[in-house]
């Protein structure tokens, strides 16, 4: 079993920055793929970014490319999402997620952290 806990959300003005952190515990994430998914009010969950726990094979959604960056520190067992140039449309609950490399859908989820961007 894998436990994921997000932190770092909050209220920020448009143009500002936040760094989300996802702390992983339980079974090792070696060989896992991890990522961030967000859900805005009244909308479906949207993929944001993903990365292998080894730190390679990064994928960033086009809607945030150039503004967001994903990284892992597998010594500290943490994954990060650096969010710059935030826009009001980035307002959402951000979830970290993990899955084994052989599985297509996310298997493990954190509880989410709220990000609110004011205009």
N, C-alpha and C. Protein backbone atom coordinates (compact mmCIF):
# COMPACT_ATOMS: atom_id res chain seq x y z
N UNK A 1 0.83 -1.20 0.00
CA UNK A 1 0.00 0.00 0.00
C UNK A 1 0.87 1.25 0.00
N UNK A 2 0.34 2.28 -0.64
CA UNK A 2 1.03 3.56 -0.75
C UNK A 2 0.12 4.63 -0.18
N UNK A 3 0.68 5.48 0.66
CA UNK A 3 -0.06 6.63 1.17
C UNK A 3 0.56 7.90 0.61
N UNK A 4 -0.31 8.81 0.19
CA UNK A 4 0.13 10.07 -0.40
C UNK A 4 -0.54 11.23 0.34
N UNK A 5 0.26 12.23 0.70
CA UNK A 5 -0.28 13.39 1.41
C UNK A 5 0.24 14.66 0.75
N UNK A 6 -0.69 15.48 0.26
CA UNK A 6 -0.31 16.73 -0.39
C UNK A 6 -0.24 17.86 0.63
N UNK A 7 0.55 18.86 0.29
CA UNK A 7 0.61 20.10 1.06
C UNK A 7 1.07 21.22 0.14
N UNK A 8 0.92 22.44 0.61
CA UNK A 8 1.43 23.58 -0.13
C UNK A 8 0.40 24.41 -0.86
N UNK A 9 -0.86 23.98 -0.82
CA UNK A 9 -1.90 24.76 -1.47
C UNK A 9 -2.18 26.05 -0.71
N UNK A 10 -3.00 26.90 -1.30
CA UNK A 10 -3.35 28.15 -0.64
C UNK A 10 -3.95 29.14 -1.60
N UNK A 11 -4.05 30.38 -1.13
CA UNK A 11 -4.60 31.47 -1.93
C UNK A 11 -3.46 32.33 -2.44
N UNK A 12 -3.46 32.61 -3.72
CA UNK A 12 -2.40 33.41 -4.33
C UNK A 12 -3.01 34.31 -5.39
N UNK A 13 -2.40 35.45 -5.61
CA UNK A 13 -2.88 36.34 -6.66
C UNK A 13 -2.41 35.85 -8.03
N UNK A 14 -3.15 36.22 -9.05
CA UNK A 14 -2.76 35.89 -10.41
C UNK A 14 -1.34 36.38 -10.68
N UNK A 15 -0.57 35.54 -11.33
CA UNK A 15 0.83 35.85 -11.59
C UNK A 15 1.78 35.33 -10.54
N UNK A 16 1.24 34.88 -9.43
CA UNK A 16 2.06 34.37 -8.34
C UNK A 16 2.47 32.93 -8.54
N UNK A 17 3.15 32.40 -7.52
CA UNK A 17 3.68 31.04 -7.58
C UNK A 17 3.33 30.27 -6.31
N UNK A 18 3.24 28.97 -6.47
CA UNK A 18 3.09 28.05 -5.35
C UNK A 18 3.88 26.80 -5.68
N UNK A 19 4.33 26.11 -4.64
CA UNK A 19 4.95 24.80 -4.84
C UNK A 19 4.18 23.79 -4.00
N UNK A 20 3.59 22.82 -4.69
CA UNK A 20 2.89 21.73 -4.02
C UNK A 20 3.87 20.60 -3.75
N UNK A 21 3.65 19.94 -2.62
CA UNK A 21 4.48 18.81 -2.24
C UNK A 21 3.59 17.60 -2.00
N UNK A 22 4.06 16.44 -2.37
CA UNK A 22 3.35 15.19 -2.13
C UNK A 22 4.31 14.25 -1.40
N UNK A 23 3.98 13.94 -0.15
CA UNK A 23 4.81 13.03 0.64
C UNK A 23 4.28 11.61 0.49
N UNK A 24 5.16 10.71 0.13
CA UNK A 24 4.78 9.31 -0.07
C UNK A 24 5.30 8.46 1.07
N UNK A 25 4.50 7.49 1.48
CA UNK A 25 4.91 6.55 2.51
C UNK A 25 4.30 5.19 2.23
N UNK A 26 4.75 4.20 2.97
CA UNK A 26 4.26 2.85 2.75
C UNK A 26 5.22 2.08 1.87
N UNK A 27 4.69 1.38 0.90
CA UNK A 27 5.53 0.60 0.00
C UNK A 27 6.42 1.53 -0.84
N UNK A 28 7.54 1.01 -1.27
CA UNK A 28 8.43 1.79 -2.12
C UNK A 28 7.74 2.16 -3.42
N UNK A 29 8.06 3.33 -3.94
CA UNK A 29 7.51 3.77 -5.23
C UNK A 29 8.46 3.46 -6.38
N UNK A 30 9.47 2.69 -6.11
CA UNK A 30 10.38 2.30 -7.18
C UNK A 30 9.60 1.60 -8.28
N UNK A 31 9.78 2.07 -9.51
CA UNK A 31 9.05 1.49 -10.63
C UNK A 31 7.67 2.09 -10.84
N UNK A 32 7.27 3.02 -10.00
CA UNK A 32 5.96 3.66 -10.13
C UNK A 32 6.04 4.89 -11.03
N UNK A 33 4.88 5.26 -11.52
CA UNK A 33 4.70 6.54 -12.19
C UNK A 33 3.84 7.39 -11.25
N UNK A 34 4.21 8.65 -11.09
CA UNK A 34 3.47 9.53 -10.18
C UNK A 34 3.09 10.80 -10.92
N UNK A 35 2.08 11.47 -10.41
CA UNK A 35 1.64 12.66 -11.12
C UNK A 35 0.69 13.52 -10.32
N UNK A 36 0.24 14.57 -10.98
CA UNK A 36 -0.71 15.52 -10.39
C UNK A 36 -1.94 15.61 -11.28
N UNK A 37 -3.09 15.62 -10.64
CA UNK A 37 -4.38 15.75 -11.30
C UNK A 37 -5.14 16.83 -10.55
N UNK A 38 -5.89 17.65 -11.26
CA UNK A 38 -6.65 18.70 -10.57
C UNK A 38 -8.12 18.62 -10.93
N UNK A 39 -8.94 19.16 -10.04
CA UNK A 39 -10.38 19.19 -10.28
C UNK A 39 -10.93 20.55 -9.86
N UNK A 40 -11.41 21.28 -10.84
CA UNK A 40 -12.05 22.56 -10.58
C UNK A 40 -13.51 22.34 -10.22
N UNK A 41 -14.14 23.29 -9.54
CA UNK A 41 -15.54 23.14 -9.16
C UNK A 41 -16.44 22.88 -10.36
N UNK A 42 -17.24 21.84 -10.28
CA UNK A 42 -18.18 21.53 -11.34
C UNK A 42 -17.57 20.90 -12.58
N UNK A 43 -16.28 20.57 -12.51
CA UNK A 43 -15.60 19.99 -13.68
C UNK A 43 -15.02 18.63 -13.34
N UNK A 44 -14.69 17.89 -14.38
CA UNK A 44 -14.07 16.58 -14.18
C UNK A 44 -12.59 16.76 -13.83
N UNK A 45 -12.03 15.71 -13.28
CA UNK A 45 -10.60 15.75 -12.98
C UNK A 45 -9.80 15.89 -14.27
N UNK A 46 -8.74 16.68 -14.20
CA UNK A 46 -7.92 16.97 -15.37
C UNK A 46 -6.47 16.62 -15.06
N UNK A 47 -5.84 15.89 -15.96
CA UNK A 47 -4.42 15.57 -15.83
C UNK A 47 -3.60 16.86 -15.90
N UNK A 48 -2.58 16.96 -15.03
CA UNK A 48 -1.70 18.12 -15.03
C UNK A 48 -0.28 17.73 -15.46
N UNK A 49 0.28 16.74 -14.79
CA UNK A 49 1.67 16.37 -15.08
C UNK A 49 1.97 15.00 -14.49
N UNK A 50 2.98 14.35 -15.05
CA UNK A 50 3.39 13.04 -14.55
C UNK A 50 4.88 12.86 -14.73
N UNK A 51 5.43 11.97 -13.92
CA UNK A 51 6.87 11.71 -13.96
C UNK A 51 7.12 10.32 -13.39
N UNK A 52 8.11 9.63 -13.90
CA UNK A 52 8.50 8.37 -13.28
C UNK A 52 9.18 8.66 -11.95
N UNK A 53 9.02 7.75 -11.00
CA UNK A 53 9.62 7.97 -9.68
C UNK A 53 11.15 8.06 -9.79
N UNK A 54 11.70 7.49 -10.85
CA UNK A 54 13.14 7.60 -11.09
C UNK A 54 13.54 8.99 -11.54
N UNK A 55 12.55 9.82 -11.89
CA UNK A 55 12.83 11.19 -12.28
C UNK A 55 12.82 11.45 -13.77
N UNK A 56 12.56 10.43 -14.57
CA UNK A 56 12.56 10.64 -16.02
C UNK A 56 11.15 10.56 -16.57
N UNK A 57 11.08 10.72 -17.89
CA UNK A 57 9.80 10.62 -18.62
C UNK A 57 8.75 11.58 -18.06
N UNK A 58 9.06 12.85 -18.12
CA UNK A 58 8.14 13.89 -17.65
C UNK A 58 7.14 14.24 -18.75
N UNK A 59 5.88 14.37 -18.37
CA UNK A 59 4.82 14.80 -19.28
C UNK A 59 4.07 15.94 -18.59
N UNK A 60 3.88 17.04 -19.31
CA UNK A 60 3.17 18.20 -18.78
C UNK A 60 2.00 18.51 -19.71
N UNK A 61 0.83 18.73 -19.15
CA UNK A 61 -0.32 19.07 -19.99
C UNK A 61 -0.10 20.41 -20.69
N UNK A 62 -0.61 20.52 -21.89
CA UNK A 62 -0.42 21.73 -22.68
C UNK A 62 -0.96 22.97 -21.98
N UNK A 63 -2.00 22.81 -21.17
CA UNK A 63 -2.62 23.97 -20.52
C UNK A 63 -1.71 24.62 -19.47
N UNK A 64 -0.70 23.89 -19.02
CA UNK A 64 0.19 24.44 -17.99
C UNK A 64 1.65 24.40 -18.41
N UNK A 65 1.92 23.91 -19.59
CA UNK A 65 3.30 23.79 -20.05
C UNK A 65 3.96 25.16 -20.11
N UNK A 66 5.18 25.22 -19.64
CA UNK A 66 5.89 26.49 -19.59
C UNK A 66 5.67 27.25 -18.31
N UNK A 67 4.67 26.84 -17.52
CA UNK A 67 4.37 27.50 -16.25
C UNK A 67 4.57 26.56 -15.06
N UNK A 68 4.26 25.29 -15.25
CA UNK A 68 4.36 24.29 -14.18
C UNK A 68 5.52 23.36 -14.46
N UNK A 69 6.12 22.86 -13.39
CA UNK A 69 7.18 21.86 -13.51
C UNK A 69 7.00 20.80 -12.43
N UNK A 70 7.23 19.54 -12.80
CA UNK A 70 7.09 18.43 -11.87
C UNK A 70 8.47 17.85 -11.59
N UNK A 71 8.68 17.42 -10.36
CA UNK A 71 9.96 16.82 -10.00
C UNK A 71 9.76 15.85 -8.84
N UNK A 72 10.75 15.00 -8.63
CA UNK A 72 10.71 14.07 -7.52
C UNK A 72 12.02 14.13 -6.75
N UNK A 73 11.92 13.86 -5.46
CA UNK A 73 13.09 13.67 -4.62
C UNK A 73 12.89 12.30 -3.98
N UNK A 74 13.43 11.27 -4.62
CA UNK A 74 13.13 9.93 -4.12
C UNK A 74 13.99 9.54 -2.93
N UNK A 75 14.84 10.44 -2.48
CA UNK A 75 15.53 10.23 -1.20
C UNK A 75 14.60 10.67 -0.07
N UNK A 76 13.95 11.82 -0.27
CA UNK A 76 12.99 12.34 0.70
C UNK A 76 11.59 11.75 0.51
N UNK A 77 11.42 10.93 -0.53
CA UNK A 77 10.11 10.35 -0.85
C UNK A 77 9.06 11.42 -1.08
N UNK A 78 9.41 12.42 -1.88
CA UNK A 78 8.49 13.52 -2.16
C UNK A 78 8.44 13.81 -3.66
N UNK A 79 7.29 14.26 -4.07
CA UNK A 79 7.09 14.75 -5.43
C UNK A 79 6.62 16.19 -5.32
N UNK A 80 7.00 17.00 -6.28
CA UNK A 80 6.69 18.42 -6.22
C UNK A 80 6.01 18.88 -7.51
N UNK A 81 5.22 19.92 -7.39
CA UNK A 81 4.67 20.62 -8.55
C UNK A 81 4.93 22.11 -8.33
N UNK A 82 5.88 22.64 -9.08
CA UNK A 82 6.16 24.07 -9.03
C UNK A 82 5.24 24.77 -10.00
N UNK A 83 4.44 25.70 -9.50
CA UNK A 83 3.45 26.39 -10.32
C UNK A 83 3.80 27.88 -10.35
N UNK A 84 4.11 28.37 -11.53
CA UNK A 84 4.45 29.78 -11.71
C UNK A 84 3.41 30.44 -12.62
N UNK A 85 3.40 31.76 -12.62
CA UNK A 85 2.49 32.53 -13.47
C UNK A 85 1.06 32.00 -13.36
N UNK A 86 0.61 31.82 -12.14
CA UNK A 86 -0.72 31.23 -11.93
C UNK A 86 -1.82 32.12 -12.46
N UNK A 87 -2.86 31.45 -12.95
CA UNK A 87 -4.02 32.13 -13.52
C UNK A 87 -5.27 31.73 -12.73
N UNK A 88 -6.31 32.55 -12.75
CA UNK A 88 -7.54 32.16 -12.04
C UNK A 88 -8.07 30.80 -12.49
N UNK A 89 -7.88 30.45 -13.73
CA UNK A 89 -8.37 29.16 -14.22
C UNK A 89 -7.56 27.98 -13.69
N UNK A 90 -6.48 28.24 -12.98
CA UNK A 90 -5.73 27.17 -12.31
C UNK A 90 -6.36 26.81 -10.97
N UNK A 91 -7.37 27.56 -10.56
CA UNK A 91 -8.04 27.28 -9.29
C UNK A 91 -8.67 25.89 -9.33
N UNK A 92 -8.32 25.06 -8.35
CA UNK A 92 -8.80 23.68 -8.31
C UNK A 92 -8.26 23.00 -7.06
N UNK A 93 -8.79 21.83 -6.80
CA UNK A 93 -8.16 20.93 -5.84
C UNK A 93 -7.13 20.10 -6.60
N UNK A 94 -5.92 20.10 -6.10
CA UNK A 94 -4.83 19.36 -6.74
C UNK A 94 -4.55 18.08 -5.97
N UNK A 95 -4.55 16.98 -6.71
CA UNK A 95 -4.32 15.67 -6.12
C UNK A 95 -3.00 15.09 -6.65
N UNK A 96 -2.24 14.45 -5.78
CA UNK A 96 -1.14 13.66 -6.29
C UNK A 96 -1.62 12.22 -6.40
N UNK A 97 -1.06 11.51 -7.34
CA UNK A 97 -1.50 10.16 -7.65
C UNK A 97 -0.30 9.30 -8.03
N UNK A 98 -0.47 8.00 -7.89
CA UNK A 98 0.59 7.07 -8.22
C UNK A 98 0.02 5.78 -8.79
N UNK A 99 0.78 5.17 -9.67
CA UNK A 99 0.37 3.86 -10.22
C UNK A 99 1.62 3.07 -10.56
N UNK A 100 1.47 1.76 -10.53
CA UNK A 100 2.56 0.93 -11.00
C UNK A 100 2.73 1.16 -12.51
N UNK A 101 3.92 0.99 -13.00
CA UNK A 101 4.20 1.27 -14.42
C UNK A 101 3.36 0.37 -15.33
N UNK A 102 2.99 -0.80 -14.85
CA UNK A 102 2.24 -1.75 -15.68
C UNK A 102 0.74 -1.49 -15.69
N UNK A 103 0.29 -0.51 -14.90
CA UNK A 103 -1.14 -0.22 -14.77
C UNK A 103 -1.46 1.08 -15.49
N UNK A 104 -2.64 1.14 -16.12
CA UNK A 104 -2.99 2.32 -16.92
C UNK A 104 -3.58 3.43 -16.06
N UNK A 105 -4.43 3.08 -15.11
CA UNK A 105 -5.12 4.10 -14.32
C UNK A 105 -4.40 4.34 -13.00
N UNK A 106 -4.61 5.54 -12.45
CA UNK A 106 -4.01 5.87 -11.15
C UNK A 106 -4.59 4.95 -10.08
N UNK A 107 -3.70 4.37 -9.27
CA UNK A 107 -4.13 3.43 -8.24
C UNK A 107 -4.25 4.07 -6.87
N UNK A 108 -3.39 5.03 -6.59
CA UNK A 108 -3.35 5.64 -5.27
C UNK A 108 -3.51 7.15 -5.40
N UNK A 109 -4.26 7.73 -4.45
CA UNK A 109 -4.56 9.16 -4.49
C UNK A 109 -4.30 9.77 -3.11
N UNK A 110 -3.89 11.03 -3.13
CA UNK A 110 -3.86 11.79 -1.90
C UNK A 110 -5.23 12.40 -1.65
N UNK A 111 -5.34 13.16 -0.56
CA UNK A 111 -6.62 13.74 -0.18
C UNK A 111 -6.89 15.06 -0.91
N UNK A 112 -5.88 15.61 -1.54
CA UNK A 112 -6.05 16.86 -2.29
C UNK A 112 -5.67 18.09 -1.49
N UNK A 113 -5.23 19.11 -2.19
CA UNK A 113 -4.93 20.40 -1.57
C UNK A 113 -5.51 21.50 -2.45
N UNK A 114 -6.17 22.46 -1.83
CA UNK A 114 -6.87 23.51 -2.56
C UNK A 114 -5.90 24.59 -3.01
N UNK A 115 -6.00 24.95 -4.26
CA UNK A 115 -5.27 26.09 -4.81
C UNK A 115 -6.29 27.07 -5.34
N UNK A 116 -6.23 28.30 -4.86
CA UNK A 116 -7.15 29.34 -5.30
C UNK A 116 -6.34 30.52 -5.80
N UNK A 117 -6.60 30.91 -7.05
CA UNK A 117 -5.89 32.02 -7.67
C UNK A 117 -6.88 33.15 -7.87
N UNK A 118 -6.62 34.27 -7.24
CA UNK A 118 -7.51 35.42 -7.36
C UNK A 118 -7.06 36.34 -8.49
N UNK A 119 -8.03 36.98 -9.10
CA UNK A 119 -7.71 37.87 -10.24
C UNK A 119 -7.44 39.29 -9.77
